[in-house]
Amino acid sequence: MRKLTRNAARCRHCGDVIESRHRHDYRMCKCGSIAVDGGLDYARRAYPGGNPDDHIEELCEYEEVPDNA
């Protein structure tokens, strides 16, 4: 299982790196093209329509944790 350890993204339009640090910590880049949310609980992205790869460079980091069987 993977655990989210960093919830961040870079805007391909303005170059801002934005990071959500806690649940419901909604962060938007300076040009308003992307947003991240969720802290380490979930990774949510917001961007204008179209292909997300045109707007967002993912910078999320994960660690592997053992499943509790």
N, C-alpha and C. Protein backbone atom coordinates (compact mmCIF):
# COMPACT_ATOMS: atom_id res chain seq x y z
N MET A 1 0.84 -1.17 0.00
CA MET A 1 0.00 0.00 0.00
C MET A 1 0.89 1.25 0.00
N ARG A 2 0.44 2.30 -0.66
CA ARG A 2 1.20 3.55 -0.70
C ARG A 2 0.56 4.59 0.22
N LYS A 3 1.41 5.34 0.90
CA LYS A 3 0.96 6.43 1.77
C LYS A 3 1.49 7.74 1.20
N LEU A 4 0.61 8.71 1.06
CA LEU A 4 0.98 10.03 0.56
C LEU A 4 1.85 10.75 1.58
N THR A 5 3.03 11.21 1.17
CA THR A 5 3.92 11.93 2.09
C THR A 5 4.13 13.38 1.67
N ARG A 6 3.76 13.71 0.43
CA ARG A 6 3.83 15.10 -0.05
C ARG A 6 2.78 15.27 -1.13
N ASN A 7 1.95 16.30 -0.99
CA ASN A 7 0.87 16.57 -1.93
C ASN A 7 1.18 17.91 -2.61
N ALA A 8 1.86 17.85 -3.75
CA ALA A 8 2.29 19.08 -4.41
C ALA A 8 2.22 18.94 -5.93
N ALA A 9 2.19 20.09 -6.60
CA ALA A 9 2.17 20.12 -8.05
C ALA A 9 2.79 21.43 -8.53
N ARG A 10 3.28 21.43 -9.77
CA ARG A 10 3.82 22.64 -10.39
C ARG A 10 2.90 23.03 -11.54
N CYS A 11 2.60 24.32 -11.62
CA CYS A 11 1.79 24.84 -12.71
C CYS A 11 2.65 24.98 -13.96
N ARG A 12 2.21 24.40 -15.05
CA ARG A 12 2.97 24.49 -16.30
C ARG A 12 2.83 25.86 -16.98
N HIS A 13 1.94 26.71 -16.47
CA HIS A 13 1.76 28.05 -17.04
C HIS A 13 2.63 29.08 -16.34
N CYS A 14 2.55 29.15 -15.00
CA CYS A 14 3.29 30.18 -14.27
C CYS A 14 4.52 29.65 -13.53
N GLY A 15 4.65 28.32 -13.41
CA GLY A 15 5.81 27.74 -12.75
C GLY A 15 5.70 27.62 -11.24
N ASP A 16 4.62 28.11 -10.65
CA ASP A 16 4.44 28.00 -9.19
C ASP A 16 4.41 26.55 -8.74
N VAL A 17 5.06 26.27 -7.63
CA VAL A 17 4.93 24.98 -6.96
C VAL A 17 4.02 25.22 -5.77
N ILE A 18 2.91 24.49 -5.73
CA ILE A 18 1.95 24.65 -4.64
C ILE A 18 1.82 23.31 -3.90
N GLU A 19 1.62 23.39 -2.59
CA GLU A 19 1.57 22.20 -1.77
C GLU A 19 0.45 22.33 -0.74
N SER A 20 -0.36 21.28 -0.65
CA SER A 20 -1.41 21.21 0.35
C SER A 20 -0.85 20.42 1.53
N ARG A 21 -0.87 21.03 2.71
CA ARG A 21 -0.21 20.42 3.87
C ARG A 21 -1.17 19.74 4.84
N HIS A 22 -2.46 20.05 4.79
CA HIS A 22 -3.41 19.38 5.67
C HIS A 22 -4.76 19.29 4.98
N ARG A 23 -5.63 18.44 5.50
CA ARG A 23 -6.95 18.21 4.90
C ARG A 23 -7.68 19.54 4.70
N HIS A 24 -8.29 19.71 3.56
CA HIS A 24 -9.04 20.92 3.19
C HIS A 24 -8.14 22.15 3.09
N ASP A 25 -6.87 21.96 2.84
CA ASP A 25 -5.90 23.06 2.64
C ASP A 25 -5.82 23.30 1.13
N TYR A 26 -6.78 24.05 0.61
CA TYR A 26 -6.91 24.32 -0.82
C TYR A 26 -5.93 25.42 -1.22
N ARG A 27 -5.00 25.10 -2.11
CA ARG A 27 -3.99 26.06 -2.56
C ARG A 27 -4.06 26.23 -4.06
N MET A 28 -3.98 27.48 -4.52
CA MET A 28 -4.04 27.78 -5.95
C MET A 28 -2.76 28.50 -6.37
N CYS A 29 -2.31 28.24 -7.60
CA CYS A 29 -1.12 28.93 -8.11
C CYS A 29 -1.45 30.40 -8.37
N LYS A 30 -0.41 31.21 -8.57
CA LYS A 30 -0.62 32.66 -8.70
C LYS A 30 -1.41 33.04 -9.95
N CYS A 31 -1.36 32.21 -11.00
CA CYS A 31 -2.12 32.56 -12.22
C CYS A 31 -3.51 31.95 -12.22
N GLY A 32 -3.82 31.10 -11.22
CA GLY A 32 -5.16 30.53 -11.10
C GLY A 32 -5.44 29.36 -12.03
N SER A 33 -4.41 28.79 -12.63
CA SER A 33 -4.62 27.69 -13.58
C SER A 33 -4.79 26.33 -12.90
N ILE A 34 -4.19 26.14 -11.71
CA ILE A 34 -4.32 24.86 -11.02
C ILE A 34 -4.50 25.08 -9.53
N ALA A 35 -5.01 24.04 -8.87
CA ALA A 35 -5.12 24.05 -7.42
C ALA A 35 -4.90 22.64 -6.91
N VAL A 36 -4.41 22.54 -5.68
CA VAL A 36 -4.25 21.25 -5.00
C VAL A 36 -5.00 21.32 -3.67
N ASP A 37 -5.42 20.14 -3.19
CA ASP A 37 -6.19 20.08 -1.96
C ASP A 37 -6.00 18.70 -1.35
N GLY A 38 -6.22 18.58 -0.05
CA GLY A 38 -6.27 17.28 0.60
C GLY A 38 -5.17 16.97 1.57
N GLY A 39 -4.12 17.77 1.61
CA GLY A 39 -3.01 17.47 2.52
C GLY A 39 -2.48 16.08 2.29
N LEU A 40 -2.27 15.33 3.35
CA LEU A 40 -1.77 13.97 3.24
C LEU A 40 -2.91 12.95 3.30
N ASP A 41 -4.17 13.43 3.37
CA ASP A 41 -5.32 12.53 3.39
C ASP A 41 -5.74 12.10 1.99
N TYR A 42 -5.70 13.02 1.03
CA TYR A 42 -6.07 12.72 -0.35
C TYR A 42 -5.45 13.76 -1.27
N ALA A 43 -5.24 13.41 -2.53
CA ALA A 43 -4.65 14.34 -3.50
C ALA A 43 -5.72 14.72 -4.51
N ARG A 44 -6.25 15.92 -4.39
CA ARG A 44 -7.25 16.43 -5.31
C ARG A 44 -6.63 17.54 -6.14
N ARG A 45 -6.97 17.57 -7.42
CA ARG A 45 -6.47 18.59 -8.33
C ARG A 45 -7.63 19.32 -8.98
N ALA A 46 -7.44 20.61 -9.25
CA ALA A 46 -8.41 21.40 -10.00
C ALA A 46 -7.65 22.13 -11.10
N TYR A 47 -8.20 22.13 -12.29
CA TYR A 47 -7.58 22.79 -13.44
C TYR A 47 -8.66 23.02 -14.48
N PRO A 48 -8.45 23.94 -15.42
CA PRO A 48 -9.42 24.15 -16.49
C PRO A 48 -9.56 22.88 -17.32
N GLY A 49 -10.62 22.78 -18.06
CA GLY A 49 -10.86 21.60 -18.89
C GLY A 49 -9.69 21.24 -19.79
N GLY A 50 -9.74 20.04 -20.34
CA GLY A 50 -8.67 19.57 -21.20
C GLY A 50 -7.80 18.55 -20.51
N ASN A 51 -6.65 18.32 -21.07
CA ASN A 51 -5.72 17.33 -20.57
C ASN A 51 -4.97 17.86 -19.35
N PRO A 52 -5.02 17.16 -18.21
CA PRO A 52 -4.31 17.66 -17.02
C PRO A 52 -2.81 17.79 -17.24
N ASP A 53 -2.23 16.98 -18.14
CA ASP A 53 -0.79 17.08 -18.40
C ASP A 53 -0.41 18.42 -19.03
N ASP A 54 -1.39 19.13 -19.61
CA ASP A 54 -1.14 20.46 -20.17
C ASP A 54 -1.03 21.52 -19.08
N HIS A 55 -1.53 21.21 -17.88
CA HIS A 55 -1.61 22.19 -16.80
C HIS A 55 -0.73 21.85 -15.60
N ILE A 56 -0.62 20.56 -15.29
CA ILE A 56 -0.05 20.14 -14.00
C ILE A 56 1.15 19.23 -14.18
N GLU A 57 2.23 19.55 -13.46
CA GLU A 57 3.35 18.62 -13.29
C GLU A 57 3.23 18.07 -11.88
N GLU A 58 2.97 16.79 -11.76
CA GLU A 58 2.78 16.17 -10.45
C GLU A 58 4.09 16.11 -9.68
N LEU A 59 4.04 16.48 -8.41
CA LEU A 59 5.20 16.43 -7.52
C LEU A 59 4.87 15.63 -6.24
N CYS A 60 3.77 14.88 -6.26
CA CYS A 60 3.40 14.07 -5.09
C CYS A 60 4.48 13.04 -4.81
N GLU A 61 4.66 12.75 -3.53
CA GLU A 61 5.60 11.73 -3.09
C GLU A 61 4.85 10.73 -2.22
N TYR A 62 5.24 9.47 -2.35
CA TYR A 62 4.60 8.39 -1.61
C TYR A 62 5.67 7.52 -0.95
N GLU A 63 5.25 6.78 0.07
CA GLU A 63 6.11 5.75 0.65
C GLU A 63 5.30 4.47 0.71
N GLU A 64 5.99 3.36 0.59
CA GLU A 64 5.33 2.06 0.68
C GLU A 64 5.19 1.69 2.15
N VAL A 65 3.99 1.28 2.53
CA VAL A 65 3.75 0.81 3.90
C VAL A 65 3.13 -0.58 3.82
N PRO A 66 3.45 -1.45 4.76
CA PRO A 66 2.89 -2.80 4.72
C PRO A 66 1.39 -2.79 4.95
N ASP A 67 0.69 -3.69 4.26
CA ASP A 67 -0.76 -3.86 4.49
C ASP A 67 -0.98 -4.51 5.84
N ASN A 68 -1.99 -4.06 6.52
CA ASN A 68 -2.37 -4.69 7.81
C ASN A 68 -3.27 -5.86 7.50
N ALA A 69 -2.72 -7.07 7.50
CA ALA A 69 -3.50 -8.25 7.13
C ALA A 69 -4.11 -8.94 8.32
